[in-house]
Amino acid sequence: MKFIFSIVLICFGLSLSANDIPEKLKVYENQLTWSGVGRVNIIGGNHRLCSGALISDTYILTAAHCVINEKTGNAHEPNRIQFSAGWGNEGASAYGQAKNVFIHQKYKTSNIINDKIVSADLAIIELSMPMKANGIKPYAFHKSPINKQNIYIASYVESSSLAVIKKEECNIIERKNKIIITSCSVDFGASGAPIFIWEDSQFKIASIISAKQVLGKINVSLGVSLERPFNELISQIFEINDASEIKFFKESLIN
């Protein structure tokens, strides 16, 4: 999917005038802010670009359909999955190779977008090595149920001549069961991208982009709730079933 908000990562020149310095540093600050958002790449074959976000030094949260082989219905082999974090005009700030990939057990490949498919469209990629280079930091989770409030999406543009990260500020239109419908207009490249809420002076992940859709005449995006579906995925992977233990696990991921 593709993004419709834009923070262009500008390369620093060899010499800066006094007037240029504040603006350049501001751009660099933005680059660090979004450096935990990265590109999920499948090596070999004709696969679309997806996005993902660091939720710990070794775990990436993304959409299930980004890492699944549509022919077999199973996850791609980990050695075919790479994560490029903080991608800019000079390349990625860091690269990660997948060690394991976990798909929500209720997710099934389909050409039809429906509530059942979208609500399970979650996956976690475990990296072979912790990703700590160049100031890259994982994101915490928004703790409360996501309501009708301002949200932000950060993603990558597919097949762009410039590797730019784009951001859009938009709103939640409706919550429907385990689905979040937003006013964010997205395209190819945004699958698996984090939906952020500004909380406690930082951006926290509240949802993950699964699909784009048209509601009436309005382009909208569909996000996966990170309440029950994500808890189900954690239980599936780590065999944690107690609600308090799941909450502790989520809060301790970035520590």
C-alpha atoms as a PDB file:
ATOM      1  CA  MET A   1       0.000   0.000   0.000  1.00  0.00           C
ATOM      2  CA  LYS A   2       1.071   3.586  -0.532  1.00  0.00           C
ATOM      3  CA  PHE A   3       1.097   6.587   1.797  1.00  0.00           C
ATOM      4  CA  ILE A   4      -0.541   9.962   1.507  1.00  0.00           C
ATOM      5  CA  PHE A   5       1.328  11.999   4.131  1.00  0.00           C
ATOM      6  CA  SER A   6       4.828  13.066   3.701  1.00  0.00           C
ATOM      7  CA  ILE A   7       7.980  13.572   5.684  1.00  0.00           C
ATOM      8  CA  VAL A   8      10.792  13.562   3.129  1.00  0.00           C
ATOM      9  CA  LEU A   9      14.098  12.458   4.570  1.00  0.00           C
ATOM     10  CA  ILE A  10      16.526  15.035   3.231  1.00  0.00           C
ATOM     11  CA  CYS A  11      20.203  14.203   2.945  1.00  0.00           C
ATOM     12  CA  PHE A  12      22.546  16.518   4.818  1.00  0.00           C
ATOM     13  CA  GLY A  13      24.924  18.629   2.758  1.00  0.00           C
ATOM     14  CA  LEU A  14      28.622  18.948   3.470  1.00  0.00           C
ATOM     15  CA  SER A  15      28.211  22.580   4.490  1.00  0.00           C
ATOM     16  CA  LEU A  16      25.253  24.265   6.177  1.00  0.00           C
ATOM     17  CA  SER A  17      24.530  27.951   6.605  1.00  0.00           C
ATOM     18  CA  ALA A  18      23.331  29.215   9.985  1.00  0.00           C
ATOM     19  CA  ASN A  19      19.788  29.546   8.608  1.00  0.00           C
ATOM     20  CA  ASP A  20      19.800  25.962   7.334  1.00  0.00           C
ATOM     21  CA  ILE A  21      20.820  24.265  10.580  1.00  0.00           C
ATOM     22  CA  PRO A  22      17.509  24.425  12.535  1.00  0.00           C
ATOM     23  CA  GLU A  23      15.474  23.097   9.604  1.00  0.00           C
ATOM     24  CA  LYS A  24      17.966  20.326   8.859  1.00  0.00           C
ATOM     25  CA  LEU A  25      18.006  19.234  12.490  1.00  0.00           C
ATOM     26  CA  LYS A  26      14.195  19.271  12.544  1.00  0.00           C
ATOM     27  CA  VAL A  27      14.148  16.898   9.546  1.00  0.00           C
ATOM     28  CA  TYR A  28      16.698  14.658  11.239  1.00  0.00           C
ATOM     29  CA  GLU A  29      14.555  14.602  14.396  1.00  0.00           C
ATOM     30  CA  ASN A  30      11.586  13.461  12.314  1.00  0.00           C
ATOM     31  CA  GLN A  31      13.704  10.743  10.745  1.00  0.00           C
ATOM     32  CA  LEU A  32      14.543   9.380  14.206  1.00  0.00           C
ATOM     33  CA  THR A  33      10.905   9.634  15.266  1.00  0.00           C
ATOM     34  CA  TRP A  34       9.825   7.297  12.471  1.00  0.00           C
ATOM     35  CA  SER A  35      13.004   5.188  12.325  1.00  0.00           C
ATOM     36  CA  GLY A  36      11.246   2.228  13.979  1.00  0.00           C
ATOM     37  CA  VAL A  37       8.911   2.031  10.975  1.00  0.00           C
ATOM     38  CA  GLY A  38      10.425  -0.073   8.214  1.00  0.00           C
ATOM     39  CA  ARG A  39       9.942  -1.929   4.986  1.00  0.00           C
ATOM     40  CA  VAL A  40       9.023  -5.610   5.068  1.00  0.00           C
ATOM     41  CA  ASN A  41      10.643  -7.210   2.030  1.00  0.00           C
ATOM     42  CA  ILE A  42      10.196 -10.708   0.600  1.00  0.00           C
ATOM     43  CA  ILE A  43      13.307 -11.828  -1.267  1.00  0.00           C
ATOM     44  CA  GLY A  44      12.652 -13.319  -4.702  1.00  0.00           C
ATOM     45  CA  GLY A  45       9.430 -13.478  -6.662  1.00  0.00           C
ATOM     46  CA  ASN A  46       7.019 -10.679  -7.490  1.00  0.00           C
ATOM     47  CA  HIS A  47       5.890  -9.472  -4.068  1.00  0.00           C
ATOM     48  CA  ARG A  48       4.524  -6.111  -3.082  1.00  0.00           C
ATOM     49  CA  LEU A  49       6.254  -3.901  -0.584  1.00  0.00           C
ATOM     50  CA  CYS A  50       4.769  -3.772   2.918  1.00  0.00           C
ATOM     51  CA  SER A  51       5.462  -1.825   6.081  1.00  0.00           C
ATOM     52  CA  GLY A  52       6.001  -2.870   9.683  1.00  0.00           C
ATOM     53  CA  ALA A  53       7.027  -1.464  13.048  1.00  0.00           C
ATOM     54  CA  LEU A  54       9.462  -2.448  15.770  1.00  0.00           C
ATOM     55  CA  ILE A  55       7.694  -3.418  19.001  1.00  0.00           C
ATOM     56  CA  SER A  56      10.931  -4.605  20.632  1.00  0.00           C
ATOM     57  CA  ASP A  57      14.571  -4.924  19.583  1.00  0.00           C
ATOM     58  CA  THR A  58      13.794  -8.298  18.011  1.00  0.00           C
ATOM     59  CA  TYR A  59      10.075  -8.258  17.096  1.00  0.00           C
ATOM     60  CA  ILE A  60       8.314  -6.589  14.153  1.00  0.00           C
ATOM     61  CA  LEU A  61       4.540  -6.184  13.996  1.00  0.00           C
ATOM     62  CA  THR A  62       3.012  -6.241  10.505  1.00  0.00           C
ATOM     63  CA  ALA A  63       0.027  -7.588   8.553  1.00  0.00           C
ATOM     64  CA  ALA A  64      -0.277 -11.345   8.036  1.00  0.00           C
ATOM     65  CA  HIS A  65      -0.859 -11.015   4.289  1.00  0.00           C
ATOM     66  CA  CYS A  66       2.556  -9.316   3.987  1.00  0.00           C
ATOM     67  CA  VAL A  67       4.455 -12.453   5.021  1.00  0.00           C
ATOM     68  CA  ILE A  68       2.199 -15.214   3.722  1.00  0.00           C
ATOM     69  CA  ASN A  69       2.681 -17.260   0.583  1.00  0.00           C
ATOM     70  CA  GLU A  70      -0.660 -16.988  -1.201  1.00  0.00           C
ATOM     71  CA  LYS A  71      -0.049 -20.232  -3.116  1.00  0.00           C
ATOM     72  CA  THR A  72       0.516 -22.360  -0.026  1.00  0.00           C
ATOM     73  CA  GLY A  73      -1.351 -20.347   2.588  1.00  0.00           C
ATOM     74  CA  ASN A  74       1.667 -20.647   4.884  1.00  0.00           C
ATOM     75  CA  ALA A  75       4.234 -18.095   5.984  1.00  0.00           C
ATOM     76  CA  HIS A  76       7.223 -17.488   3.742  1.00  0.00           C
ATOM     77  CA  GLU A  77      10.448 -19.077   4.911  1.00  0.00           C
ATOM     78  CA  PRO A  78      12.193 -16.742   7.386  1.00  0.00           C
ATOM     79  CA  ASN A  79      15.319 -16.569   5.214  1.00  0.00           C
ATOM     80  CA  ARG A  80      13.213 -14.809   2.559  1.00  0.00           C
ATOM     81  CA  ILE A  81      11.951 -12.077   4.889  1.00  0.00           C
ATOM     82  CA  GLN A  82      13.946  -8.928   5.618  1.00  0.00           C
ATOM     83  CA  PHE A  83      13.156  -5.732   7.499  1.00  0.00           C
ATOM     84  CA  SER A  84      14.722  -2.395   6.502  1.00  0.00           C
ATOM     85  CA  ALA A  85      14.242   0.182   9.269  1.00  0.00           C
ATOM     86  CA  GLY A  86      14.365   3.943   8.887  1.00  0.00           C
ATOM     87  CA  TRP A  87      14.626   3.825   5.103  1.00  0.00           C
ATOM     88  CA  GLY A  88      15.699   7.121   3.554  1.00  0.00           C
ATOM     89  CA  ASN A  89      17.357   8.454   0.421  1.00  0.00           C
ATOM     90  CA  GLU A  90      20.665   6.968   1.544  1.00  0.00           C
ATOM     91  CA  GLY A  91      19.198   3.548   2.276  1.00  0.00           C
ATOM     92  CA  ALA A  92      18.108   1.964   5.539  1.00  0.00           C
ATOM     93  CA  SER A  93      19.394   2.913   8.982  1.00  0.00           C
ATOM     94  CA  ALA A  94      19.494  -0.796   9.801  1.00  0.00           C
ATOM     95  CA  TYR A  95      18.670  -4.141   8.199  1.00  0.00           C
ATOM     96  CA  GLY A  96      17.202  -7.168   9.932  1.00  0.00           C
ATOM     97  CA  GLN A  97      16.907 -10.792   8.826  1.00  0.00           C
ATOM     98  CA  ALA A  98      13.925 -12.834  10.003  1.00  0.00           C
ATOM     99  CA  LYS A  99      14.526 -15.805  12.260  1.00  0.00           C
ATOM    100  CA  ASN A 100      10.893 -16.784  12.774  1.00  0.00           C
ATOM    101  CA  VAL A 101       7.547 -15.549  11.500  1.00  0.00           C
ATOM    102  CA  PHE A 102       4.231 -16.040  13.278  1.00  0.00           C
ATOM    103  CA  ILE A 103       0.821 -15.534  11.657  1.00  0.00           C
ATOM    104  CA  HIS A 104      -2.468 -15.211  13.528  1.00  0.00           C
ATOM    105  CA  GLN A 105      -3.942 -18.717  13.398  1.00  0.00           C
ATOM    106  CA  LYS A 106      -7.350 -17.436  12.263  1.00  0.00           C
ATOM    107  CA  TYR A 107      -5.976 -15.636   9.214  1.00  0.00           C
ATOM    108  CA  LYS A 108      -6.774 -17.194   5.822  1.00  0.00           C
ATOM    109  CA  THR A 109      -5.721 -15.901   2.414  1.00  0.00           C
ATOM    110  CA  SER A 110      -8.600 -14.509   0.390  1.00  0.00           C
ATOM    111  CA  ASN A 111      -9.294 -12.171  -2.502  1.00  0.00           C
ATOM    112  CA  ILE A 112     -12.311 -10.871  -0.620  1.00  0.00           C
ATOM    113  CA  ILE A 113     -12.020  -8.262   2.123  1.00  0.00           C
ATOM    114  CA  ASN A 114     -14.319  -9.055   5.025  1.00  0.00           C
ATOM    115  CA  ASP A 115     -14.383  -8.606   8.799  1.00  0.00           C
ATOM    116  CA  LYS A 116     -13.174 -12.127   9.515  1.00  0.00           C
ATOM    117  CA  ILE A 117     -10.098 -11.786   7.293  1.00  0.00           C
ATOM    118  CA  VAL A 118      -9.143  -8.274   8.373  1.00  0.00           C
ATOM    119  CA  SER A 119      -9.603  -8.923  12.100  1.00  0.00           C
ATOM    120  CA  ALA A 120      -6.934 -11.660  12.007  1.00  0.00           C
ATOM    121  CA  ASP A 121      -4.543  -9.911   9.621  1.00  0.00           C
ATOM    122  CA  LEU A 122      -1.644  -9.766  12.086  1.00  0.00           C
ATOM    123  CA  ALA A 123       1.843 -11.250  12.130  1.00  0.00           C
ATOM    124  CA  ILE A 124       5.002 -10.963  14.201  1.00  0.00           C
ATOM    125  CA  ILE A 125       8.457 -11.298  12.674  1.00  0.00           C
ATOM    126  CA  GLU A 126      11.256 -12.320  15.026  1.00  0.00           C
ATOM    127  CA  LEU A 127      14.653 -11.012  13.907  1.00  0.00           C
ATOM    128  CA  SER A 128      17.815 -13.097  14.091  1.00  0.00           C
ATOM    129  CA  MET A 129      19.679 -10.211  15.757  1.00  0.00           C
ATOM    130  CA  PRO A 130      18.449  -7.315  17.935  1.00  0.00           C
ATOM    131  CA  MET A 131      18.038  -4.057  16.009  1.00  0.00           C
ATOM    132  CA  LYS A 132      19.633  -1.246  18.028  1.00  0.00           C
ATOM    133  CA  ALA A 133      21.718   0.688  15.503  1.00  0.00           C
ATOM    134  CA  ASN A 134      21.571   4.420  14.696  1.00  0.00           C
ATOM    135  CA  GLY A 135      19.153   5.445  17.413  1.00  0.00           C
ATOM    136  CA  ILE A 136      16.348   3.163  16.226  1.00  0.00           C
ATOM    137  CA  LYS A 137      13.839   2.506  18.990  1.00  0.00           C
ATOM    138  CA  PRO A 138      10.735   0.304  19.223  1.00  0.00           C
ATOM    139  CA  TYR A 139       7.285   1.723  19.867  1.00  0.00           C
ATOM    140  CA  ALA A 140       5.071   1.180  22.894  1.00  0.00           C
ATOM    141  CA  PHE A 141       1.385   0.267  22.627  1.00  0.00           C
ATOM    142  CA  HIS A 142      -1.596   2.526  23.231  1.00  0.00           C
ATOM    143  CA  LYS A 143      -3.174   1.061  26.369  1.00  0.00           C
ATOM    144  CA  SER A 144      -6.824   2.105  26.094  1.00  0.00           C
ATOM    145  CA  PRO A 145      -9.396   1.043  23.476  1.00  0.00           C
ATOM    146  CA  ILE A 146      -8.978   3.232  20.414  1.00  0.00           C
ATOM    147  CA  ASN A 147     -11.823   5.736  20.065  1.00  0.00           C
ATOM    148  CA  LYS A 148     -12.788   8.473  17.625  1.00  0.00           C
ATOM    149  CA  GLN A 149      -9.683  10.611  17.915  1.00  0.00           C
ATOM    150  CA  ASN A 150      -6.783  11.901  15.852  1.00  0.00           C
ATOM    151  CA  ILE A 151      -4.481   9.197  14.568  1.00  0.00           C
ATOM    152  CA  TYR A 152      -1.302   9.101  12.506  1.00  0.00           C
ATOM    153  CA  ILE A 153      -0.066   6.567   9.984  1.00  0.00           C
ATOM    154  CA  ALA A 154       3.548   6.153   8.872  1.00  0.00           C
ATOM    155  CA  SER A 155       4.421   3.974   5.879  1.00  0.00           C
ATOM    156  CA  TYR A 156       6.473   3.593   2.721  1.00  0.00           C
ATOM    157  CA  VAL A 157       5.619   4.237  -0.907  1.00  0.00           C
ATOM    158  CA  GLU A 158       5.781   1.284  -3.269  1.00  0.00           C
ATOM    159  CA  SER A 159       7.997   1.571  -6.374  1.00  0.00           C
ATOM    160  CA  SER A 160       9.018   5.121  -5.606  1.00  0.00           C
ATOM    161  CA  SER A 161      12.104   6.549  -7.278  1.00  0.00           C
ATOM    162  CA  LEU A 162      12.887   8.120  -3.906  1.00  0.00           C
ATOM    163  CA  ALA A 163      12.671   5.982  -0.804  1.00  0.00           C
ATOM    164  CA  VAL A 164      10.515   8.281   1.303  1.00  0.00           C
ATOM    165  CA  ILE A 165       8.473   7.648   4.384  1.00  0.00           C
ATOM    166  CA  LYS A 166       5.091   9.325   4.360  1.00  0.00           C
ATOM    167  CA  LYS A 167       2.806  10.242   7.232  1.00  0.00           C
ATOM    168  CA  GLU A 168      -0.886  11.113   7.310  1.00  0.00           C
ATOM    169  CA  GLU A 169      -2.951  12.591  10.102  1.00  0.00           C
ATOM    170  CA  CYS A 170      -6.580  11.493  10.016  1.00  0.00           C
ATOM    171  CA  ASN A 171      -9.455  10.267  12.164  1.00  0.00           C
ATOM    172  CA  ILE A 172     -11.297   7.139  13.185  1.00  0.00           C
ATOM    173  CA  ILE A 173     -14.645   6.949  11.416  1.00  0.00           C
ATOM    174  CA  GLU A 174     -16.025   3.859  13.096  1.00  0.00           C
ATOM    175  CA  ARG A 175     -15.138   0.805  15.154  1.00  0.00           C
ATOM    176  CA  LYS A 176     -16.745  -2.340  13.828  1.00  0.00           C
ATOM    177  CA  ASN A 177     -16.160  -5.418  15.976  1.00  0.00           C
ATOM    178  CA  LYS A 178     -12.393  -5.991  15.696  1.00  0.00           C
ATOM    179  CA  ILE A 179     -12.005  -3.584  12.752  1.00  0.00           C
ATOM    180  CA  ILE A 180     -11.093   0.107  12.876  1.00  0.00           C
ATOM    181  CA  ILE A 181     -12.236   2.222   9.910  1.00  0.00           C
ATOM    182  CA  THR A 182     -10.155   5.368   9.413  1.00  0.00           C
ATOM    183  CA  SER A 183     -10.296   8.376   7.115  1.00  0.00           C
ATOM    184  CA  CYS A 184      -6.685   7.764   6.077  1.00  0.00           C
ATOM    185  CA  SER A 185      -6.377   7.242   2.325  1.00  0.00           C
ATOM    186  CA  VAL A 186      -3.687   4.618   1.687  1.00  0.00           C
ATOM    187  CA  ASP A 187      -2.393   2.549  -1.193  1.00  0.00           C
ATOM    188  CA  PHE A 188       0.053  -0.293  -1.861  1.00  0.00           C
ATOM    189  CA  GLY A 189       2.975  -0.139   0.543  1.00  0.00           C
ATOM    190  CA  ALA A 190       0.928   0.739   3.639  1.00  0.00           C
ATOM    191  CA  SER A 191      -0.106  -2.830   4.484  1.00  0.00           C
ATOM    192  CA  GLY A 192       1.258  -3.619   7.938  1.00  0.00           C
ATOM    193  CA  ALA A 193       1.901   0.052   8.716  1.00  0.00           C
ATOM    194  CA  PRO A 194       1.337   1.215  12.288  1.00  0.00           C
ATOM    195  CA  ILE A 195      -1.541   3.485  13.241  1.00  0.00           C
ATOM    196  CA  PHE A 196      -0.262   5.787  15.975  1.00  0.00           C
ATOM    197  CA  ILE A 197      -1.874   7.807  18.729  1.00  0.00           C
ATOM    198  CA  TRP A 198       0.034  10.619  20.435  1.00  0.00           C
ATOM    199  CA  GLU A 199       0.108   9.719  24.128  1.00  0.00           C
ATOM    200  CA  ASP A 200       2.489  10.493  27.003  1.00  0.00           C
ATOM    201  CA  SER A 201       4.594  12.714  24.712  1.00  0.00           C
ATOM    202  CA  GLN A 202       5.279   9.891  22.263  1.00  0.00           C
ATOM    203  CA  PHE A 203       3.689   8.045  19.361  1.00  0.00           C
ATOM    204  CA  LYS A 204       2.182   4.730  20.448  1.00  0.00           C
ATOM    205  CA  ILE A 205       0.861   1.936  18.221  1.00  0.00           C
ATOM    206  CA  ALA A 206      -2.920   1.582  18.363  1.00  0.00           C
ATOM    207  CA  SER A 207      -3.602  -0.527  15.246  1.00  0.00           C
ATOM    208  CA  ILE A 208      -2.082  -1.995  12.068  1.00  0.00           C
ATOM    209  CA  ILE A 209      -3.236  -1.242   8.511  1.00  0.00           C
ATOM    210  CA  SER A 210      -4.759  -4.251   6.777  1.00  0.00           C
ATOM    211  CA  ALA A 211      -6.533  -2.952   3.668  1.00  0.00           C
ATOM    212  CA  LYS A 212      -7.925  -0.016   1.772  1.00  0.00           C
ATOM    213  CA  GLN A 213     -11.577   0.300   0.831  1.00  0.00           C
ATOM    214  CA  VAL A 214     -14.141   2.739  -0.528  1.00  0.00           C
ATOM    215  CA  LEU A 215     -16.932   3.784   1.823  1.00  0.00           C
ATOM    216  CA  GLY A 216     -19.540   5.535  -0.271  1.00  0.00           C
ATOM    217  CA  LYS A 217     -17.332   7.856  -2.293  1.00  0.00           C
ATOM    218  CA  ILE A 218     -14.651   8.157   0.375  1.00  0.00           C
ATOM    219  CA  ASN A 219     -11.351   6.261   0.364  1.00  0.00           C
ATOM    220  CA  VAL A 220     -10.793   4.713   3.776  1.00  0.00           C
ATOM    221  CA  SER A 221      -8.368   2.302   5.389  1.00  0.00           C
ATOM    222  CA  LEU A 222      -9.103  -0.695   7.599  1.00  0.00           C
ATOM    223  CA  GLY A 223      -7.033  -1.313  10.696  1.00  0.00           C
ATOM    224  CA  VAL A 224      -6.798  -4.380  12.914  1.00  0.00           C
ATOM    225  CA  SER A 225      -7.705  -3.886  16.561  1.00  0.00           C
ATOM    226  CA  LEU A 226      -4.756  -4.531  18.865  1.00  0.00           C
ATOM    227  CA  GLU A 227      -6.953  -5.594  21.723  1.00  0.00           C
ATOM    228  CA  ARG A 228      -8.339  -9.120  21.345  1.00  0.00           C
ATOM    229  CA  PRO A 229      -6.672 -10.078  18.002  1.00  0.00           C
ATOM    230  CA  PHE A 230      -3.185  -9.122  19.193  1.00  0.00           C
ATOM    231  CA  ASN A 231      -3.726 -10.808  22.545  1.00  0.00           C
ATOM    232  CA  GLU A 232      -4.741 -13.952  20.654  1.00  0.00           C
ATOM    233  CA  LEU A 233      -1.526 -13.792  18.631  1.00  0.00           C
ATOM    234  CA  ILE A 234       0.575 -13.374  21.792  1.00  0.00           C
ATOM    235  CA  SER A 235      -1.203 -16.343  23.391  1.00  0.00           C
ATOM    236  CA  GLN A 236      -0.610 -18.404  20.262  1.00  0.00           C
ATOM    237  CA  ILE A 237       3.130 -17.653  20.104  1.00  0.00           C
ATOM    238  CA  PHE A 238       4.198 -17.402  23.715  1.00  0.00           C
ATOM    239  CA  GLU A 239       1.536 -19.559  25.397  1.00  0.00           C
ATOM    240  CA  ILE A 240       0.466 -16.705  27.663  1.00  0.00           C
ATOM    241  CA  ASN A 241      -3.253 -16.862  28.375  1.00  0.00           C
ATOM    242  CA  ASP A 242      -3.782 -14.864  31.549  1.00  0.00           C
ATOM    243  CA  ALA A 243      -5.042 -11.338  30.795  1.00  0.00           C
ATOM    244  CA  SER A 244      -2.765  -9.679  33.377  1.00  0.00           C
ATOM    245  CA  GLU A 245       0.257 -11.582  32.043  1.00  0.00           C
ATOM    246  CA  ILE A 246      -0.568 -10.522  28.463  1.00  0.00           C
ATOM    247  CA  LYS A 247      -0.821  -6.899  29.595  1.00  0.00           C
ATOM    248  CA  PHE A 248       2.546  -7.147  31.371  1.00  0.00           C
ATOM    249  CA  PHE A 249       4.107  -8.778  28.312  1.00  0.00           C
ATOM    250  CA  LYS A 250       2.916  -6.001  25.984  1.00  0.00           C
ATOM    251  CA  GLU A 251       4.130  -3.280  28.331  1.00  0.00           C
ATOM    252  CA  SER A 252       7.544  -4.910  28.789  1.00  0.00           C
ATOM    253  CA  LEU A 253       8.268  -5.519  25.087  1.00  0.00           C
ATOM    254  CA  ILE A 254      10.259  -2.311  24.582  1.00  0.00           C
ATOM    255  CA  ASN A 255      12.085  -2.526  27.946  1.00  0.00           C
END
